[in-house]
Amino acid sequence: MLDMLRKATLAGIGMLTLTEERARKLVDELVEQGRMSQEEGESIVKEILTKAEASREEWEARIRDLIQEAFRKMDLVPRKDLELVEEQLRALERRVADLERRERDREEEVPTM
């Protein structure tokens, strides 16, 4: 599952890179032909990249949501939730150990008859 997410993320980054290369190539050709100025070309490239980045982020968010839903259906717990429960368990273990220590200390203080 994590491998799929990694591959999807790399594919998104690859698409963004490919989009930039194609956009710059097209703009360079149009600038060369005199159909637009260099400034207009840069503005268009920036706009294309901004939209591509937004699309990539949306795509990654959807994949993340799908994976979380799949984990939920398989009754898998996210690592952060597991770590929270583990910390709570450690806190309870410390508290029980402290209470047991206090009880032993109190028993040792009581004189036997």
N, C-alpha and C. Protein backbone atom coordinates (compact mmCIF):
# COMPACT_ATOMS: atom_id res chain seq x y z
N MET A 1 0.83 -1.19 0.00
CA MET A 1 0.00 0.00 0.00
C MET A 1 0.87 1.25 0.00
N LEU A 2 1.88 1.27 0.88
CA LEU A 2 2.76 2.44 0.93
C LEU A 2 3.57 2.57 -0.35
N ASP A 3 3.92 1.44 -0.94
CA ASP A 3 4.65 1.47 -2.20
C ASP A 3 3.79 2.11 -3.28
N MET A 4 2.49 1.80 -3.27
CA MET A 4 1.59 2.40 -4.24
C MET A 4 1.53 3.92 -4.06
N LEU A 5 1.48 4.37 -2.82
CA LEU A 5 1.45 5.81 -2.55
C LEU A 5 2.75 6.46 -3.02
N ARG A 6 3.87 5.81 -2.76
CA ARG A 6 5.16 6.35 -3.19
C ARG A 6 5.21 6.47 -4.71
N LYS A 7 4.77 5.42 -5.39
CA LYS A 7 4.78 5.44 -6.85
C LYS A 7 3.85 6.52 -7.40
N ALA A 8 2.69 6.67 -6.78
CA ALA A 8 1.74 7.69 -7.22
C ALA A 8 2.31 9.08 -7.03
N THR A 9 2.98 9.30 -5.91
CA THR A 9 3.59 10.60 -5.65
C THR A 9 4.69 10.90 -6.66
N LEU A 10 5.53 9.90 -6.92
CA LEU A 10 6.59 10.08 -7.91
C LEU A 10 6.02 10.34 -9.30
N ALA A 11 4.93 9.67 -9.62
CA ALA A 11 4.28 9.91 -10.91
C ALA A 11 3.77 11.34 -10.99
N GLY A 12 3.21 11.84 -9.90
CA GLY A 12 2.73 13.23 -9.87
C GLY A 12 3.86 14.21 -10.05
N ILE A 13 4.98 13.96 -9.39
CA ILE A 13 6.14 14.84 -9.54
C ILE A 13 6.67 14.76 -10.97
N GLY A 14 6.68 13.55 -11.54
CA GLY A 14 7.12 13.38 -12.92
C GLY A 14 6.24 14.13 -13.89
N MET A 15 4.92 14.08 -13.66
CA MET A 15 4.00 14.81 -14.53
C MET A 15 4.23 16.30 -14.44
N LEU A 16 4.48 16.79 -13.23
CA LEU A 16 4.73 18.21 -13.06
C LEU A 16 5.99 18.63 -13.80
N THR A 17 7.04 17.83 -13.71
CA THR A 17 8.29 18.13 -14.41
C THR A 17 8.07 18.10 -15.91
N LEU A 18 7.36 17.09 -16.37
CA LEU A 18 7.08 16.98 -17.80
C LEU A 18 6.25 18.16 -18.27
N THR A 19 5.28 18.57 -17.48
CA THR A 19 4.44 19.71 -17.81
C THR A 19 5.30 20.97 -17.96
N GLU A 20 6.23 21.18 -17.03
CA GLU A 20 7.09 22.36 -17.10
C GLU A 20 7.95 22.33 -18.35
N GLU A 21 8.54 21.18 -18.65
CA GLU A 21 9.39 21.07 -19.83
C GLU A 21 8.60 21.37 -21.10
N ARG A 22 7.42 20.78 -21.22
CA ARG A 22 6.60 21.00 -22.41
C ARG A 22 6.14 22.45 -22.51
N ALA A 23 5.74 23.02 -21.38
CA ALA A 23 5.28 24.42 -21.38
C ALA A 23 6.41 25.35 -21.80
N ARG A 24 7.59 25.14 -21.24
CA ARG A 24 8.73 26.00 -21.61
C ARG A 24 9.10 25.84 -23.08
N LYS A 25 9.05 24.62 -23.57
CA LYS A 25 9.38 24.38 -24.97
C LYS A 25 8.39 25.09 -25.88
N LEU A 26 7.10 24.96 -25.59
CA LEU A 26 6.07 25.62 -26.39
C LEU A 26 6.22 27.14 -26.34
N VAL A 27 6.43 27.67 -25.14
CA VAL A 27 6.58 29.11 -24.99
C VAL A 27 7.82 29.60 -25.72
N ASP A 28 8.91 28.87 -25.62
CA ASP A 28 10.13 29.25 -26.32
C ASP A 28 9.90 29.31 -27.83
N GLU A 29 9.15 28.34 -28.34
CA GLU A 29 8.85 28.34 -29.78
C GLU A 29 8.01 29.56 -30.15
N LEU A 30 7.01 29.87 -29.33
CA LEU A 30 6.16 31.02 -29.62
C LEU A 30 6.93 32.34 -29.52
N VAL A 31 7.84 32.42 -28.57
CA VAL A 31 8.67 33.62 -28.43
C VAL A 31 9.58 33.74 -29.65
N GLU A 32 10.16 32.62 -30.06
CA GLU A 32 11.04 32.60 -31.23
C GLU A 32 10.31 33.06 -32.48
N GLN A 33 9.06 32.65 -32.61
CA GLN A 33 8.27 33.01 -33.78
C GLN A 33 7.73 34.44 -33.69
N GLY A 34 7.94 35.07 -32.54
CA GLY A 34 7.47 36.43 -32.36
C GLY A 34 6.00 36.53 -32.03
N ARG A 35 5.38 35.45 -31.64
CA ARG A 35 3.94 35.46 -31.34
C ARG A 35 3.66 35.96 -29.92
N MET A 36 4.69 35.98 -29.09
CA MET A 36 4.53 36.53 -27.73
C MET A 36 5.88 36.98 -27.22
N SER A 37 5.84 37.85 -26.23
CA SER A 37 7.09 38.34 -25.64
C SER A 37 7.60 37.33 -24.62
N GLN A 38 8.86 37.50 -24.24
CA GLN A 38 9.45 36.62 -23.22
C GLN A 38 8.70 36.75 -21.90
N GLU A 39 8.29 37.98 -21.56
CA GLU A 39 7.56 38.21 -20.31
C GLU A 39 6.21 37.50 -20.32
N GLU A 40 5.51 37.60 -21.47
CA GLU A 40 4.22 36.91 -21.58
C GLU A 40 4.42 35.40 -21.45
N GLY A 41 5.48 34.92 -22.08
CA GLY A 41 5.78 33.50 -22.02
C GLY A 41 6.04 33.03 -20.60
N GLU A 42 6.85 33.79 -19.86
CA GLU A 42 7.14 33.43 -18.47
C GLU A 42 5.87 33.45 -17.63
N SER A 43 5.02 34.43 -17.89
CA SER A 43 3.76 34.53 -17.16
C SER A 43 2.90 33.30 -17.42
N ILE A 44 2.84 32.86 -18.66
CA ILE A 44 2.05 31.69 -19.01
C ILE A 44 2.63 30.43 -18.37
N VAL A 45 3.95 30.30 -18.41
CA VAL A 45 4.60 29.14 -17.80
C VAL A 45 4.30 29.10 -16.30
N LYS A 46 4.40 30.25 -15.65
CA LYS A 46 4.11 30.30 -14.21
C LYS A 46 2.67 29.90 -13.92
N GLU A 47 1.75 30.37 -14.76
CA GLU A 47 0.34 30.04 -14.58
C GLU A 47 0.10 28.54 -14.77
N ILE A 48 0.72 27.97 -15.80
CA ILE A 48 0.58 26.54 -16.06
C ILE A 48 1.13 25.74 -14.88
N LEU A 49 2.31 26.14 -14.39
CA LEU A 49 2.92 25.42 -13.28
C LEU A 49 2.10 25.54 -12.01
N THR A 50 1.53 26.71 -11.77
CA THR A 50 0.68 26.90 -10.59
C THR A 50 -0.53 25.98 -10.65
N LYS A 51 -1.15 25.92 -11.83
CA LYS A 51 -2.32 25.05 -11.98
C LYS A 51 -1.92 23.58 -11.89
N ALA A 52 -0.79 23.22 -12.47
CA ALA A 52 -0.33 21.83 -12.40
C ALA A 52 -0.02 21.44 -10.97
N GLU A 53 0.60 22.34 -10.21
CA GLU A 53 0.92 22.06 -8.80
C GLU A 53 -0.36 21.88 -7.99
N ALA A 54 -1.34 22.75 -8.23
CA ALA A 54 -2.62 22.64 -7.52
C ALA A 54 -3.30 21.32 -7.86
N SER A 55 -3.24 20.95 -9.12
CA SER A 55 -3.82 19.68 -9.54
C SER A 55 -3.10 18.50 -8.89
N ARG A 56 -1.78 18.56 -8.83
CA ARG A 56 -1.00 17.50 -8.20
C ARG A 56 -1.35 17.38 -6.72
N GLU A 57 -1.45 18.51 -6.04
CA GLU A 57 -1.78 18.49 -4.61
C GLU A 57 -3.17 17.90 -4.39
N GLU A 58 -4.11 18.26 -5.26
CA GLU A 58 -5.47 17.72 -5.15
C GLU A 58 -5.45 16.21 -5.39
N TRP A 59 -4.68 15.79 -6.37
CA TRP A 59 -4.56 14.38 -6.71
C TRP A 59 -3.96 13.60 -5.54
N GLU A 60 -2.90 14.13 -4.94
CA GLU A 60 -2.27 13.48 -3.79
C GLU A 60 -3.24 13.40 -2.61
N ALA A 61 -4.03 14.47 -2.40
CA ALA A 61 -5.00 14.47 -1.31
C ALA A 61 -6.05 13.38 -1.53
N ARG A 62 -6.49 13.23 -2.76
CA ARG A 62 -7.48 12.19 -3.05
C ARG A 62 -6.89 10.81 -2.81
N ILE A 63 -5.67 10.60 -3.23
CA ILE A 63 -5.02 9.29 -3.01
C ILE A 63 -4.88 9.03 -1.51
N ARG A 64 -4.46 10.06 -0.76
CA ARG A 64 -4.32 9.92 0.69
C ARG A 64 -5.66 9.53 1.32
N ASP A 65 -6.74 10.20 0.86
CA ASP A 65 -8.07 9.89 1.39
C ASP A 65 -8.49 8.46 1.06
N LEU A 66 -8.20 8.03 -0.16
CA LEU A 66 -8.54 6.66 -0.56
C LEU A 66 -7.78 5.64 0.29
N ILE A 67 -6.51 5.91 0.54
CA ILE A 67 -5.71 4.99 1.33
C ILE A 67 -6.20 4.96 2.78
N GLN A 68 -6.51 6.13 3.33
CA GLN A 68 -7.02 6.17 4.70
C GLN A 68 -8.34 5.41 4.80
N GLU A 69 -9.20 5.55 3.78
CA GLU A 69 -10.47 4.84 3.77
C GLU A 69 -10.23 3.33 3.69
N ALA A 70 -9.26 2.92 2.86
CA ALA A 70 -8.94 1.50 2.76
C ALA A 70 -8.42 0.97 4.10
N PHE A 71 -7.56 1.74 4.75
CA PHE A 71 -7.05 1.34 6.07
C PHE A 71 -8.19 1.22 7.07
N ARG A 72 -9.11 2.16 7.03
CA ARG A 72 -10.25 2.13 7.94
C ARG A 72 -11.08 0.87 7.71
N LYS A 73 -11.32 0.54 6.45
CA LYS A 73 -12.12 -0.64 6.13
C LYS A 73 -11.42 -1.92 6.55
N MET A 74 -10.09 -1.91 6.54
CA MET A 74 -9.33 -3.09 6.95
C MET A 74 -9.07 -3.08 8.46
N ASP A 75 -9.64 -2.12 9.16
CA ASP A 75 -9.45 -1.96 10.60
C ASP A 75 -8.00 -1.72 10.97
N LEU A 76 -7.25 -1.05 10.12
CA LEU A 76 -5.87 -0.68 10.43
C LEU A 76 -5.86 0.68 11.11
N VAL A 77 -4.97 0.84 12.05
CA VAL A 77 -4.89 2.07 12.83
C VAL A 77 -3.72 2.91 12.32
N PRO A 78 -3.95 4.21 12.11
CA PRO A 78 -2.83 5.07 11.72
C PRO A 78 -1.76 5.08 12.80
N ARG A 79 -0.51 5.21 12.39
CA ARG A 79 0.63 5.18 13.31
C ARG A 79 0.48 6.22 14.42
N LYS A 80 0.02 7.43 14.09
CA LYS A 80 -0.09 8.47 15.12
C LYS A 80 -1.10 8.08 16.19
N ASP A 81 -2.18 7.39 15.79
CA ASP A 81 -3.16 6.93 16.77
C ASP A 81 -2.57 5.84 17.65
N LEU A 82 -1.83 4.93 17.05
CA LEU A 82 -1.17 3.87 17.80
C LEU A 82 -0.16 4.45 18.78
N GLU A 83 0.62 5.43 18.33
CA GLU A 83 1.61 6.05 19.21
C GLU A 83 0.94 6.75 20.39
N LEU A 84 -0.22 7.38 20.14
CA LEU A 84 -0.96 8.03 21.22
C LEU A 84 -1.42 7.00 22.25
N VAL A 85 -1.95 5.88 21.79
CA VAL A 85 -2.40 4.82 22.70
C VAL A 85 -1.21 4.24 23.47
N GLU A 86 -0.09 4.05 22.78
CA GLU A 86 1.11 3.54 23.46
C GLU A 86 1.57 4.51 24.55
N GLU A 87 1.55 5.79 24.28
CA GLU A 87 1.95 6.78 25.30
C GLU A 87 0.98 6.75 26.47
N GLN A 88 -0.30 6.63 26.20
CA GLN A 88 -1.29 6.54 27.26
C GLN A 88 -1.06 5.28 28.10
N LEU A 89 -0.73 4.18 27.44
CA LEU A 89 -0.45 2.93 28.16
C LEU A 89 0.79 3.09 29.04
N ARG A 90 1.84 3.72 28.51
CA ARG A 90 3.05 3.95 29.32
C ARG A 90 2.74 4.82 30.53
N ALA A 91 1.89 5.83 30.35
CA ALA A 91 1.52 6.70 31.47
C ALA A 91 0.75 5.90 32.52
N LEU A 92 -0.14 5.02 32.08
CA LEU A 92 -0.88 4.18 33.03
C LEU A 92 0.04 3.21 33.75
N GLU A 93 0.99 2.63 33.01
CA GLU A 93 1.95 1.72 33.65
C GLU A 93 2.77 2.46 34.70
N ARG A 94 3.18 3.69 34.41
CA ARG A 94 3.94 4.47 35.40
C ARG A 94 3.08 4.75 36.62
N ARG A 95 1.81 5.08 36.38
CA ARG A 95 0.91 5.38 37.49
C ARG A 95 0.68 4.14 38.36
N VAL A 96 0.45 2.99 37.72
CA VAL A 96 0.24 1.74 38.48
C VAL A 96 1.50 1.42 39.28
N ALA A 97 2.67 1.54 38.65
CA ALA A 97 3.92 1.25 39.36
C ALA A 97 4.08 2.19 40.55
N ASP A 98 3.73 3.45 40.37
CA ASP A 98 3.83 4.42 41.47
C ASP A 98 2.86 4.06 42.60
N LEU A 99 1.64 3.70 42.24
CA LEU A 99 0.65 3.31 43.26
C LEU A 99 1.09 2.04 43.99
N GLU A 100 1.65 1.08 43.26
CA GLU A 100 2.14 -0.15 43.90
C GLU A 100 3.29 0.17 44.84
N ARG A 101 4.18 1.06 44.43
CA ARG A 101 5.32 1.46 45.27
C ARG A 101 4.81 2.14 46.55
N ARG A 102 3.82 3.01 46.40
CA ARG A 102 3.26 3.69 47.58
C ARG A 102 2.63 2.68 48.54
N GLU A 103 1.91 1.71 47.95
CA GLU A 103 1.26 0.69 48.77
C GLU A 103 2.30 -0.12 49.53
N ARG A 104 3.39 -0.52 48.87
CA ARG A 104 4.46 -1.27 49.53
C ARG A 104 5.09 -0.43 50.64
N ASP A 105 5.33 0.84 50.33
CA ASP A 105 5.93 1.72 51.34
C ASP A 105 5.01 1.85 52.55
N ARG A 106 3.73 1.95 52.30
CA ARG A 106 2.78 2.08 53.40
C ARG A 106 2.74 0.80 54.21
N GLU A 107 2.80 -0.33 53.56
CA GLU A 107 2.79 -1.62 54.27
C GLU A 107 4.06 -1.77 55.11
N GLU A 108 5.17 -1.30 54.62
CA GLU A 108 6.43 -1.40 55.36
C GLU A 108 6.44 -0.47 56.55
N GLU A 109 5.69 0.64 56.49
CA GLU A 109 5.66 1.60 57.59
C GLU A 109 4.79 1.10 58.73
N VAL A 110 3.82 0.29 58.44
CA VAL A 110 2.89 -0.19 59.47
C VAL A 110 3.62 -1.20 60.33
N PRO A 111 3.72 -0.93 61.67
CA PRO A 111 4.40 -1.90 62.55
C PRO A 111 3.56 -3.16 62.70
N THR A 112 4.21 -4.26 62.72
CA THR A 112 3.52 -5.53 62.90
C THR A 112 3.38 -5.82 64.39
N MET A 113 2.34 -6.43 64.82
CA MET A 113 2.10 -6.71 66.23
C MET A 113 2.41 -8.09 66.57
